[in-house]
Amino acid sequence: MIVLNSILGVLYVFIICWNNAEGKKRDKKDCHFPLDWTGSWFQSGVRETIVIRRTTIRIKSMVEDGNCTHYNRDKFVVKQRQENKECYTCLAITSKHPNVLQYKMSECVERKSSLKHICGRITGDAPLYSMFRVGGEPVPSPFSGPFEFSYDNGYGECRDPSSHVDTCTDNTKLKLTYQACADIPLSEHKNVQLECLATWQEGSSNFMVGRFTHKNIMSDEESYRCFIYEATPEGFSVAQSADGTCNGLYSATGGPVNMRFRKDRYPSPMCTFPTWMVASQKWRTLQRHYKYVIHEDGGVMTKVNNHQKVAHSDKCIEIQSQTVNMTTAVTFTIEGCHHGYKCYKFHKRGDQIIEIESSGIVDRPSEACSEHNFETRDSFETLLPDSTLAANSCPHVGRYDIVGTSTEDICSNRKSTASIGCDTPHEMTFNHFCEGNSINDVELQVVKDSFVCHGHWGEDGVHYLIATDKNSVTSCLVSYIECMNAIILEKKREEKRRIN
């Protein structure tokens, strides 16, 4: 028994010593903040943005950067200066999302002590502060509209007339249209955009941080808001903070501002786009800046850029007229955060050439195709299949002298010729020479431009040709007119062609 007690005593002393050693080892002196926290942060009530660097931070009442002295997991001891005296503060920082940090802090103590001692001074009822990353990458919104909604800002629920939430082509944004209720104080009609910056979950509660934009919002304090939300059978219950914090949000129905989202619907496709357009499904603009994607059912068309960002989305609502080579259609269109009805005129210019003429967006489908809706728009886009373009025979086969061109800085006495379809039926070549200015006065070829023809058509006495530069693989649109035995080039356009 005596031996056993001795062994237990030694073991107890060993455990105590080991725990102390471990505690000191975890209390890290090589203090630095996580790399993904570095940057500028907004905090409500703080005039300047908070800056976190690798080993320093300046928050709240700090007059200069505080230096991190030691840390353990999410707790950091920071040395700062207050009233010309050094003191030590503990920050307990939690990352809720790459764009959201929340923290509590202790009072600043003058005597340097252990992390456990300083951080132990953070009381349970200490204020929780939220920081939102300045310039953070937005994230997809958890709400996919459209919705009708009512809102209660503390003076009663404004539900008649209904307010509305609209989807934007950028899935990180929503457009909220608030309606004013005559019997509800401080309700007002306004349109705002809400950009989603972060979402996270705590237990069964879902949180979101967003940023409002509106012509009357002049500061970050007015812009940043925190939300808590939950799904309901009809849509969502959403509570919004009163300021740029996450304070006062107790549940999805218990916040300073409470909203009820009820699912709404946009018009469904009621027709299909022309079969000669649906057949290829993917079309591109001449300079490959955008693609038009036709969905499998043929009733939805989406325009995207090279980064897959949606420029606009169109649902076919009505075919107003249709011939073999031309179709006029009314669409329901979402462009940015604006939605309404649009008119498209699709022109088939060849087996692999389509021109699209589009109107502005209006509120009523009956107004979409009116002539005045096309008057001020440079509305033509030329589309080619988003695949390998087939070569076609060039028009106006022959050899030509080129006159009336700019000589610029090539030489003062340039001669240019064109060969169309002579050596190869689908190629045309432009040769530029300098006469009498070369070594030994021998004619010297300076530039040779070669193009592959893909298709051509005529309209109102003007001819148009789609060709690709063999050197740059860039497609272009050339317009010209015929006059006796000459071809007069009018313009070379890379994108939109004319104003109608």
Protein backbone atom coordinates (compact mmCIF):
# COMPACT_ATOMS: atom_id res chain seq x y z
CA MET A 1 0.00 0.00 0.00
CA ILE A 2 2.85 2.41 0.86
CA VAL A 3 4.55 1.59 -2.45
CA LEU A 4 1.30 2.14 -4.36
CA ASN A 5 0.73 5.53 -2.71
CA SER A 6 4.29 6.56 -3.59
CA ILE A 7 3.81 5.55 -7.19
CA LEU A 8 0.51 7.46 -7.39
CA GLY A 9 2.14 10.51 -5.84
CA VAL A 10 4.94 10.51 -8.40
CA LEU A 11 2.45 9.98 -11.21
CA TYR A 12 0.34 12.92 -9.95
CA VAL A 13 3.36 15.23 -9.84
CA PHE A 14 4.35 14.06 -13.34
CA ILE A 15 0.88 14.82 -14.76
CA ILE A 16 0.88 18.30 -13.17
CA CYS A 17 4.30 19.07 -14.65
CA TRP A 18 3.32 17.66 -18.04
CA ASN A 19 0.12 19.75 -18.17
CA ASN A 20 2.06 22.90 -17.29
CA ALA A 21 4.61 22.16 -20.00
CA GLU A 22 1.88 21.50 -22.53
CA GLY A 23 0.06 24.69 -21.56
CA LYS A 24 3.22 26.73 -22.11
CA LYS A 25 3.90 24.96 -25.38
CA ARG A 26 0.39 25.75 -26.69
CA ASP A 27 0.72 29.36 -25.50
CA LYS A 28 2.64 30.22 -28.67
CA LYS A 29 5.16 33.04 -28.68
CA ASP A 30 5.50 33.05 -32.47
CA CYS A 31 2.28 35.04 -32.72
CA HIS A 32 0.63 35.70 -36.04
CA PHE A 33 -2.91 35.98 -37.39
CA PRO A 34 -4.17 33.51 -40.03
CA LEU A 35 -3.07 34.54 -43.49
CA ASP A 36 -6.61 34.59 -44.84
CA TRP A 37 -7.60 37.21 -42.23
CA THR A 38 -5.19 39.80 -43.56
CA GLY A 39 -6.78 42.80 -45.26
CA SER A 40 -9.23 45.62 -44.54
CA TRP A 41 -12.41 45.12 -42.54
CA PHE A 42 -15.52 47.20 -41.80
CA GLN A 43 -16.85 47.41 -38.25
CA SER A 44 -19.92 49.41 -37.36
CA GLY A 45 -19.11 52.42 -35.19
CA VAL A 46 -15.42 52.50 -36.15
CA ARG A 47 -14.58 55.46 -38.36
CA GLU A 48 -11.62 53.95 -40.21
CA THR A 49 -11.41 50.45 -41.65
CA ILE A 50 -9.75 47.85 -39.47
CA VAL A 51 -6.51 46.52 -40.90
CA ILE A 52 -5.21 43.05 -40.04
CA ARG A 53 -1.65 42.22 -41.01
CA ARG A 54 0.31 39.10 -40.28
CA THR A 55 1.37 40.15 -36.76
CA THR A 56 -0.54 43.38 -36.11
CA ILE A 57 -4.12 44.56 -35.82
CA ARG A 58 -5.80 47.89 -35.15
CA ILE A 59 -9.37 47.69 -33.89
CA LYS A 60 -11.89 49.78 -32.02
CA SER A 61 -10.16 52.17 -29.55
CA MET A 62 -6.55 51.42 -30.56
CA VAL A 63 -4.66 54.57 -31.52
CA GLU A 64 -1.95 52.57 -33.28
CA ASP A 65 -1.34 49.03 -34.46
CA GLY A 66 -1.40 46.42 -31.72
CA ASN A 67 1.29 43.74 -31.86
CA CYS A 68 0.35 40.11 -31.34
CA THR A 69 2.54 38.72 -28.53
CA HIS A 70 1.20 35.19 -28.05
CA TYR A 71 -1.85 33.14 -28.96
CA ASN A 72 -3.63 29.85 -28.55
CA ARG A 73 -6.08 28.75 -31.22
CA ASP A 74 -8.69 31.57 -31.50
CA LYS A 75 -7.36 33.72 -28.66
CA PHE A 76 -4.71 36.39 -29.23
CA VAL A 77 -2.94 38.65 -26.76
CA VAL A 78 -2.17 42.03 -28.31
CA LYS A 79 0.17 44.66 -26.89
CA GLN A 80 -1.10 48.17 -27.49
CA ARG A 81 -0.62 51.68 -26.15
CA GLN A 82 -3.28 53.63 -24.26
CA GLU A 83 -2.60 57.06 -22.78
CA ASN A 84 1.14 56.61 -23.37
CA LYS A 85 1.18 53.35 -21.43
CA GLU A 86 1.63 49.85 -22.73
CA CYS A 87 -1.11 47.35 -21.93
CA TYR A 88 -2.28 43.92 -23.04
CA THR A 89 -5.67 42.95 -24.47
CA CYS A 90 -7.07 39.51 -25.30
CA LEU A 91 -9.05 39.12 -28.52
CA ALA A 92 -11.19 35.99 -28.94
CA ILE A 93 -11.77 35.94 -32.72
CA THR A 94 -14.01 33.53 -34.60
CA SER A 95 -14.14 33.22 -38.39
CA LYS A 96 -17.72 32.71 -39.52
CA HIS A 97 -16.89 32.99 -43.21
CA PRO A 98 -13.90 34.25 -45.24
CA ASN A 99 -15.71 37.61 -45.31
CA VAL A 100 -16.91 37.68 -41.67
CA LEU A 101 -15.01 37.74 -38.37
CA GLN A 102 -16.60 38.11 -34.95
CA TYR A 103 -14.72 38.85 -31.72
CA LYS A 104 -14.91 39.66 -28.04
CA MET A 105 -12.18 41.50 -26.19
CA SER A 106 -10.96 41.90 -22.63
CA GLU A 107 -10.08 45.13 -20.90
CA CYS A 108 -6.49 46.25 -21.38
CA VAL A 109 -4.24 45.27 -18.44
CA GLU A 110 -0.92 46.97 -17.82
CA ARG A 111 0.93 43.98 -16.47
CA LYS A 112 2.01 41.33 -18.92
CA SER A 113 0.61 37.98 -17.92
CA SER A 114 -0.30 34.59 -19.35
CA LEU A 115 -2.83 34.24 -22.11
CA LYS A 116 -5.09 32.24 -19.81
CA HIS A 117 -5.08 35.03 -17.22
CA ILE A 118 -5.69 37.90 -19.68
CA CYS A 119 -8.29 36.05 -21.76
CA GLY A 120 -10.02 34.96 -18.57
CA ARG A 121 -11.01 38.60 -18.12
CA ILE A 122 -13.45 38.35 -21.07
CA THR A 123 -16.82 38.14 -19.38
CA GLY A 124 -19.74 36.09 -20.64
CA ASP A 125 -21.79 39.20 -21.37
CA ALA A 126 -18.97 41.00 -23.20
CA PRO A 127 -20.18 42.65 -26.45
CA LEU A 128 -19.82 40.61 -29.64
CA TYR A 129 -18.39 42.67 -32.48
CA SER A 130 -18.73 41.77 -36.18
CA MET A 131 -16.27 42.68 -38.94
CA PHE A 132 -17.03 42.40 -42.66
CA ARG A 133 -14.24 42.18 -45.24
CA VAL A 134 -13.93 45.27 -47.43
CA GLY A 135 -13.93 44.25 -51.11
CA GLY A 136 -14.65 40.62 -50.29
CA GLU A 137 -15.70 38.27 -53.09
CA PRO A 138 -19.52 38.01 -53.08
CA VAL A 139 -21.20 34.60 -52.83
CA PRO A 140 -24.43 33.20 -54.32
CA SER A 141 -27.55 34.39 -52.54
CA PRO A 142 -29.49 31.74 -50.60
CA PHE A 143 -32.69 33.27 -52.02
CA SER A 144 -33.62 32.43 -55.60
CA GLY A 145 -36.46 34.75 -56.61
CA PRO A 146 -38.92 35.91 -57.49
CA PHE A 147 -40.77 36.50 -54.21
CA GLU A 148 -43.55 38.70 -52.99
CA PHE A 149 -42.83 39.95 -49.48
CA SER A 150 -44.19 41.95 -46.59
CA TYR A 151 -42.01 43.78 -44.08
CA ASP A 152 -42.31 45.06 -40.52
CA ASN A 153 -39.86 47.76 -39.42
CA GLY A 154 -41.31 47.97 -35.91
CA TYR A 155 -44.43 49.97 -36.79
CA GLY A 156 -46.61 47.19 -38.18
CA GLU A 157 -46.54 44.84 -41.16
CA CYS A 158 -46.65 46.47 -44.59
CA ARG A 159 -48.25 43.82 -46.81
CA ASP A 160 -50.74 45.61 -49.06
CA PRO A 161 -49.51 46.39 -51.65
CA SER A 162 -46.98 43.55 -51.77
CA SER A 163 -43.29 44.29 -52.11
CA HIS A 164 -41.22 42.21 -54.51
CA VAL A 165 -37.86 40.42 -54.70
CA ASP A 166 -36.40 39.87 -58.17
CA THR A 167 -33.59 37.63 -59.30
CA CYS A 168 -30.60 39.22 -61.05
CA THR A 169 -28.47 37.62 -63.76
CA ASP A 170 -25.61 37.76 -61.23
CA ASN A 171 -26.68 35.14 -58.67
CA THR A 172 -24.95 37.05 -55.86
CA LYS A 173 -27.48 39.89 -56.16
CA LEU A 174 -31.17 40.50 -55.59
CA LYS A 175 -33.37 43.48 -56.37
CA LEU A 176 -35.83 44.44 -53.62
CA THR A 177 -38.76 46.71 -54.49
CA TYR A 178 -40.37 48.02 -51.31
CA GLN A 179 -43.92 49.36 -51.48
CA ALA A 180 -45.29 52.02 -49.12
CA CYS A 181 -48.35 51.28 -46.99
CA ALA A 182 -50.57 54.27 -46.20
CA ASP A 183 -51.26 53.11 -42.64
CA ILE A 184 -47.69 52.10 -41.71
CA PRO A 185 -45.29 54.85 -40.51
CA LEU A 186 -41.83 54.95 -42.13
CA SER A 187 -42.83 52.53 -44.90
CA GLU A 188 -41.68 53.83 -48.28
CA HIS A 189 -41.44 52.96 -51.94
CA LYS A 190 -37.86 52.29 -52.98
CA ASN A 191 -35.75 49.98 -55.15
CA VAL A 192 -32.51 48.61 -53.70
CA GLN A 193 -29.99 45.99 -54.70
CA LEU A 194 -28.72 43.50 -52.13
CA GLU A 195 -25.38 41.79 -52.73
CA CYS A 196 -24.68 38.65 -50.70
CA LEU A 197 -21.23 38.68 -49.06
CA ALA A 198 -21.38 35.68 -46.71
CA THR A 199 -23.58 32.84 -45.46
CA TRP A 200 -23.00 30.50 -42.53
CA GLN A 201 -24.86 28.28 -40.09
CA GLU A 202 -24.90 28.25 -36.30
CA GLY A 203 -26.84 25.30 -34.98
CA SER A 204 -30.19 25.38 -36.76
CA SER A 205 -29.93 29.10 -37.58
CA ASN A 206 -28.86 30.39 -41.01
CA PHE A 207 -27.07 33.72 -41.26
CA MET A 208 -26.25 36.01 -44.16
CA VAL A 209 -24.34 39.28 -44.50
CA GLY A 210 -25.28 41.53 -47.39
CA ARG A 211 -24.60 44.98 -48.75
CA PHE A 212 -27.38 47.28 -49.95
CA THR A 213 -26.83 49.74 -52.81
CA HIS A 214 -29.20 52.64 -53.50
CA LYS A 215 -28.79 56.24 -54.59
CA ASN A 216 -29.62 57.44 -51.06
CA ILE A 217 -27.17 55.10 -49.31
CA MET A 218 -24.05 57.17 -48.77
CA SER A 219 -21.96 55.20 -46.26
CA ASP A 220 -20.89 51.70 -45.26
CA GLU A 221 -22.85 52.13 -42.01
CA GLU A 222 -26.06 52.35 -44.06
CA SER A 223 -25.00 49.66 -46.52
CA TYR A 224 -23.95 46.57 -44.51
CA ARG A 225 -26.67 44.46 -42.88
CA CYS A 226 -26.84 41.04 -41.21
CA PHE A 227 -29.74 38.60 -41.67
CA ILE A 228 -31.05 35.41 -40.07
CA TYR A 229 -33.46 33.30 -42.12
CA GLU A 230 -35.34 30.02 -42.24
CA ALA A 231 -37.35 28.22 -44.91
CA THR A 232 -41.14 28.13 -44.59
CA PRO A 233 -43.80 26.28 -46.63
CA GLU A 234 -44.49 29.47 -48.62
CA GLY A 235 -40.90 30.77 -48.89
CA PHE A 236 -38.70 32.26 -46.14
CA SER A 237 -38.90 34.16 -42.88
CA VAL A 238 -36.10 36.74 -42.77
CA ALA A 239 -34.98 39.04 -39.94
CA GLN A 240 -32.64 41.96 -40.67
CA SER A 241 -30.35 43.88 -38.33
CA ALA A 242 -30.96 47.59 -37.77
CA ASP A 243 -27.33 48.55 -38.43
CA GLY A 244 -24.03 47.17 -39.72
CA THR A 245 -23.81 44.51 -36.99
CA CYS A 246 -25.36 41.12 -36.30
CA ASN A 247 -26.79 42.34 -32.99
CA GLY A 248 -30.47 42.03 -32.15
CA LEU A 249 -31.09 38.96 -34.33
CA TYR A 250 -32.69 36.36 -32.08
CA SER A 251 -34.60 34.32 -34.65
CA ALA A 252 -35.83 34.51 -38.25
CA THR A 253 -38.97 36.20 -36.97
CA GLY A 254 -37.40 38.20 -34.13
CA GLY A 255 -35.26 41.06 -35.39
CA PRO A 256 -35.40 44.84 -35.76
CA VAL A 257 -36.81 44.37 -39.29
CA ASN A 258 -38.82 41.26 -40.17
CA MET A 259 -39.80 40.07 -43.65
CA ARG A 260 -41.91 37.25 -45.01
CA PHE A 261 -40.95 36.01 -48.48
CA ARG A 262 -43.67 34.21 -50.49
CA LYS A 263 -42.60 32.37 -53.62
CA ASP A 264 -43.70 33.97 -56.89
CA ARG A 265 -43.23 32.95 -60.53
CA TYR A 266 -41.84 34.46 -63.71
CA PRO A 267 -43.52 33.59 -67.02
CA SER A 268 -42.61 30.14 -68.39
CA PRO A 269 -41.47 29.62 -72.01
CA MET A 270 -44.48 29.39 -74.33
CA CYS A 271 -42.67 28.96 -77.66
CA THR A 272 -39.30 27.94 -79.09
CA PHE A 273 -36.65 29.90 -80.93
CA PRO A 274 -36.09 29.20 -84.69
CA THR A 275 -35.11 25.60 -85.48
CA TRP A 276 -32.06 26.79 -87.47
CA MET A 277 -30.84 28.53 -84.32
CA VAL A 278 -31.72 25.74 -81.86
CA ALA A 279 -29.89 23.18 -84.05
CA SER A 280 -26.45 24.54 -83.09
CA GLN A 281 -27.39 25.43 -79.46
CA LYS A 282 -24.20 27.48 -78.91
CA TRP A 283 -23.41 30.62 -80.91
CA ARG A 284 -20.67 33.20 -80.45
CA THR A 285 -20.19 36.83 -81.38
CA LEU A 286 -17.59 37.72 -83.99
CA GLN A 287 -14.83 38.57 -81.52
CA ARG A 288 -15.76 35.72 -79.14
CA HIS A 289 -16.60 38.13 -76.31
CA TYR A 290 -19.99 36.51 -75.72
CA LYS A 291 -21.85 33.26 -76.33
CA TYR A 292 -25.55 32.65 -76.81
CA VAL A 293 -26.59 29.31 -75.35
CA ILE A 294 -29.93 27.80 -76.38
CA HIS A 295 -31.26 25.41 -73.75
CA GLU A 296 -32.30 21.90 -74.76
CA ASP A 297 -36.02 22.66 -74.82
CA GLY A 298 -35.37 25.47 -77.31
CA GLY A 299 -37.41 28.00 -75.31
CA VAL A 300 -34.66 29.64 -73.22
CA MET A 301 -31.64 31.59 -74.47
CA THR A 302 -28.78 32.83 -72.27
CA LYS A 303 -26.00 35.26 -73.18
CA VAL A 304 -22.77 34.73 -71.22
CA ASN A 305 -19.30 36.27 -71.36
CA ASN A 306 -15.97 34.45 -71.38
CA HIS A 307 -16.05 34.21 -67.57
CA GLN A 308 -19.47 32.51 -67.69
CA LYS A 309 -21.13 35.60 -66.23
CA VAL A 310 -24.69 35.92 -67.50
CA ALA A 311 -25.41 39.14 -69.41
CA HIS A 312 -29.10 38.36 -69.90
CA SER A 313 -31.51 35.44 -69.97
CA ASP A 314 -34.50 35.26 -72.33
CA LYS A 315 -37.59 33.04 -72.36
CA CYS A 316 -39.58 32.77 -75.58
CA ILE A 317 -43.11 34.02 -74.85
CA GLU A 318 -44.64 34.60 -78.29
CA ILE A 319 -43.71 34.19 -81.96
CA GLN A 320 -45.12 37.27 -83.71
CA SER A 321 -44.05 36.41 -87.25
CA GLN A 322 -42.00 33.71 -88.94
CA THR A 323 -40.65 33.02 -92.44
CA VAL A 324 -37.97 30.64 -93.70
CA ASN A 325 -35.13 33.06 -92.89
CA MET A 326 -36.59 35.49 -90.34
CA THR A 327 -38.40 35.14 -87.00
CA THR A 328 -39.77 37.85 -84.70
CA ALA A 329 -40.22 36.76 -81.07
CA VAL A 330 -41.24 38.37 -77.77
CA THR A 331 -39.24 37.22 -74.76
CA PHE A 332 -39.37 37.63 -71.01
CA THR A 333 -35.87 38.93 -70.24
CA ILE A 334 -33.77 39.34 -67.11
CA GLU A 335 -30.84 41.66 -67.75
CA GLY A 336 -28.76 42.66 -64.74
CA CYS A 337 -31.40 43.26 -62.06
CA HIS A 338 -33.92 44.56 -64.59
CA HIS A 339 -36.69 42.36 -65.98
CA GLY A 340 -39.45 42.81 -68.54
CA TYR A 341 -40.33 42.05 -72.15
CA LYS A 342 -38.08 42.33 -75.17
CA CYS A 343 -38.42 41.84 -78.92
CA TYR A 344 -35.91 39.89 -81.01
CA LYS A 345 -35.67 39.67 -84.79
CA PHE A 346 -33.60 36.65 -85.83
CA HIS A 347 -32.19 36.78 -89.38
CA LYS A 348 -30.74 33.67 -91.00
CA ARG A 349 -27.94 34.91 -93.27
CA GLY A 350 -26.58 31.49 -94.20
CA ASP A 351 -26.14 27.99 -92.85
CA GLN A 352 -23.73 29.29 -90.20
CA ILE A 353 -24.53 33.00 -89.90
CA ILE A 354 -27.31 34.57 -87.82
CA GLU A 355 -27.98 38.21 -87.09
CA ILE A 356 -29.94 39.25 -84.00
CA GLU A 357 -31.77 42.55 -83.77
CA SER A 358 -33.01 43.37 -80.25
CA SER A 359 -35.25 46.03 -78.71
CA GLY A 360 -35.19 47.66 -75.31
CA ILE A 361 -36.93 46.14 -72.26
CA VAL A 362 -40.52 47.24 -71.58
CA ASP A 363 -43.14 46.36 -68.96
CA ARG A 364 -45.80 44.95 -71.31
CA PRO A 365 -45.32 42.23 -73.95
CA SER A 366 -47.67 44.07 -76.31
CA GLU A 367 -45.22 47.00 -76.51
CA ALA A 368 -42.02 45.00 -77.02
CA CYS A 369 -41.99 44.93 -80.84
CA SER A 370 -43.19 48.49 -81.50
CA GLU A 371 -40.96 50.35 -83.94
CA HIS A 372 -39.99 53.12 -81.50
CA ASN A 373 -38.52 50.43 -79.23
CA PHE A 374 -35.82 49.80 -81.88
CA GLU A 375 -35.17 53.42 -82.90
CA THR A 376 -32.19 54.38 -80.73
CA ARG A 377 -30.43 51.02 -80.45
CA ASP A 378 -27.28 49.84 -82.22
CA SER A 379 -29.01 46.52 -82.00
CA PHE A 380 -27.47 44.11 -84.52
CA GLU A 381 -25.18 41.30 -83.41
CA THR A 382 -23.71 38.80 -85.86
CA LEU A 383 -23.44 35.26 -84.52
CA LEU A 384 -21.44 32.27 -85.69
CA PRO A 385 -21.53 28.66 -84.42
CA ASP A 386 -19.33 28.09 -81.36
CA SER A 387 -17.44 25.40 -83.23
CA THR A 388 -15.16 25.10 -86.23
CA LEU A 389 -16.38 27.37 -89.01
CA ALA A 390 -16.70 25.78 -92.44
CA ALA A 391 -15.05 27.55 -95.35
CA ASN A 392 -17.30 28.64 -98.23
CA SER A 393 -16.52 29.99 -101.68
CA CYS A 394 -15.72 33.68 -101.78
CA PRO A 395 -17.93 35.96 -103.91
CA HIS A 396 -16.63 38.08 -106.83
CA VAL A 397 -13.80 35.79 -107.93
CA GLY A 398 -10.97 37.64 -109.69
CA ARG A 399 -7.90 39.84 -109.34
CA TYR A 400 -8.24 43.50 -108.42
CA ASP A 401 -6.12 46.59 -107.99
CA ILE A 402 -6.85 48.37 -104.72
CA VAL A 403 -7.09 52.16 -104.83
CA GLY A 404 -7.96 54.80 -102.29
CA THR A 405 -6.33 53.09 -99.31
CA SER A 406 -4.28 54.81 -96.62
CA THR A 407 -0.51 54.46 -97.11
CA GLU A 408 0.28 55.58 -93.53
CA ASP A 409 3.82 54.63 -92.46
CA ILE A 410 4.45 51.65 -94.76
CA CYS A 411 5.80 53.72 -97.62
CA SER A 412 4.98 56.81 -99.64
CA ASN A 413 4.18 54.98 -102.87
CA ARG A 414 2.30 51.81 -102.03
CA LYS A 415 0.58 49.52 -104.52
CA SER A 416 -2.02 47.04 -103.28
CA THR A 417 -3.75 44.16 -105.07
CA ALA A 418 -6.43 41.64 -104.15
CA SER A 419 -6.81 38.05 -105.27
CA ILE A 420 -10.27 36.57 -104.51
CA GLY A 421 -10.91 32.86 -105.00
CA CYS A 422 -8.17 32.53 -107.62
CA ASP A 423 -5.75 30.09 -106.01
CA THR A 424 -8.25 28.60 -103.53
CA PRO A 425 -12.03 29.14 -103.95
CA HIS A 426 -12.58 30.02 -100.27
CA GLU A 427 -9.58 32.35 -99.79
CA MET A 428 -8.86 35.97 -100.60
CA THR A 429 -5.44 37.58 -100.35
CA PHE A 430 -4.42 41.23 -100.14
CA ASN A 431 -0.85 42.08 -101.17
CA HIS A 432 0.75 45.46 -100.38
CA PHE A 433 3.93 46.54 -102.23
CA CYS A 434 6.24 49.53 -102.07
CA GLU A 435 7.25 50.66 -105.58
CA GLY A 436 10.72 52.10 -106.18
CA ASN A 437 11.56 52.43 -102.50
CA SER A 438 13.24 49.08 -101.99
CA ILE A 439 16.89 48.07 -102.31
CA ASN A 440 18.09 48.35 -105.94
CA ASP A 441 14.61 49.67 -106.87
CA VAL A 442 13.27 46.13 -106.99
CA GLU A 443 9.58 45.86 -106.14
CA LEU A 444 9.35 44.64 -102.52
CA GLN A 445 6.35 42.91 -100.97
CA VAL A 446 5.68 44.43 -97.57
CA VAL A 447 2.44 42.90 -96.26
CA LYS A 448 0.32 39.92 -97.20
CA ASP A 449 -3.10 39.50 -95.56
CA SER A 450 -5.01 36.26 -96.14
CA PHE A 451 -8.64 35.60 -95.23
CA VAL A 452 -10.93 32.57 -95.35
CA CYS A 453 -14.53 33.19 -96.50
CA HIS A 454 -17.42 31.66 -94.53
CA GLY A 455 -20.55 33.20 -95.99
CA HIS A 456 -22.08 36.29 -97.60
CA TRP A 457 -25.44 37.89 -98.26
CA GLY A 458 -26.94 41.04 -99.72
CA GLU A 459 -29.53 43.49 -98.38
CA ASP A 460 -30.80 46.80 -99.78
CA GLY A 461 -28.01 46.94 -102.37
CA VAL A 462 -25.25 46.35 -99.82
CA HIS A 463 -23.29 43.10 -99.64
CA TYR A 464 -21.85 41.58 -96.47
CA LEU A 465 -19.09 39.03 -96.07
CA ILE A 466 -17.94 37.05 -93.03
CA ALA A 467 -14.25 36.16 -93.20
CA THR A 468 -11.53 35.05 -90.81
CA ASP A 469 -8.01 36.46 -90.72
CA LYS A 470 -5.69 33.44 -91.12
CA ASN A 471 -2.99 35.05 -88.99
CA SER A 472 -5.07 36.08 -85.98
CA VAL A 473 -8.03 33.67 -86.38
CA THR A 474 -10.26 36.71 -85.86
CA SER A 475 -13.62 36.86 -87.65
CA CYS A 476 -14.78 40.13 -89.17
CA LEU A 477 -17.75 41.53 -91.04
CA VAL A 478 -17.06 43.48 -94.25
CA SER A 479 -19.72 45.50 -96.06
CA TYR A 480 -19.33 46.59 -99.69
CA ILE A 481 -21.22 47.63 -102.80
CA GLU A 482 -20.71 46.69 -106.46
CA CYS A 483 -20.15 49.42 -109.02
CA MET A 484 -19.42 48.45 -112.66
CA ASN A 485 -16.27 46.29 -112.48
CA ALA A 486 -15.27 47.57 -109.04
CA ILE A 487 -15.99 46.60 -105.45
CA ILE A 488 -16.27 49.52 -103.06
CA LEU A 489 -15.58 48.61 -99.45
CA GLU A 490 -17.75 50.63 -97.11
CA LYS A 491 -16.81 49.51 -93.63
CA LYS A 492 -15.15 46.74 -91.70
CA ARG A 493 -16.98 46.07 -88.45
CA GLU A 494 -16.02 43.65 -85.72
CA GLU A 495 -19.27 43.77 -83.78
CA LYS A 496 -22.53 45.72 -84.09
CA ARG A 497 -23.24 46.79 -87.62
CA ARG A 498 -25.74 49.58 -87.93
CA ILE A 499 -28.39 51.68 -86.27
CA ASN A 500 -32.00 51.07 -87.35
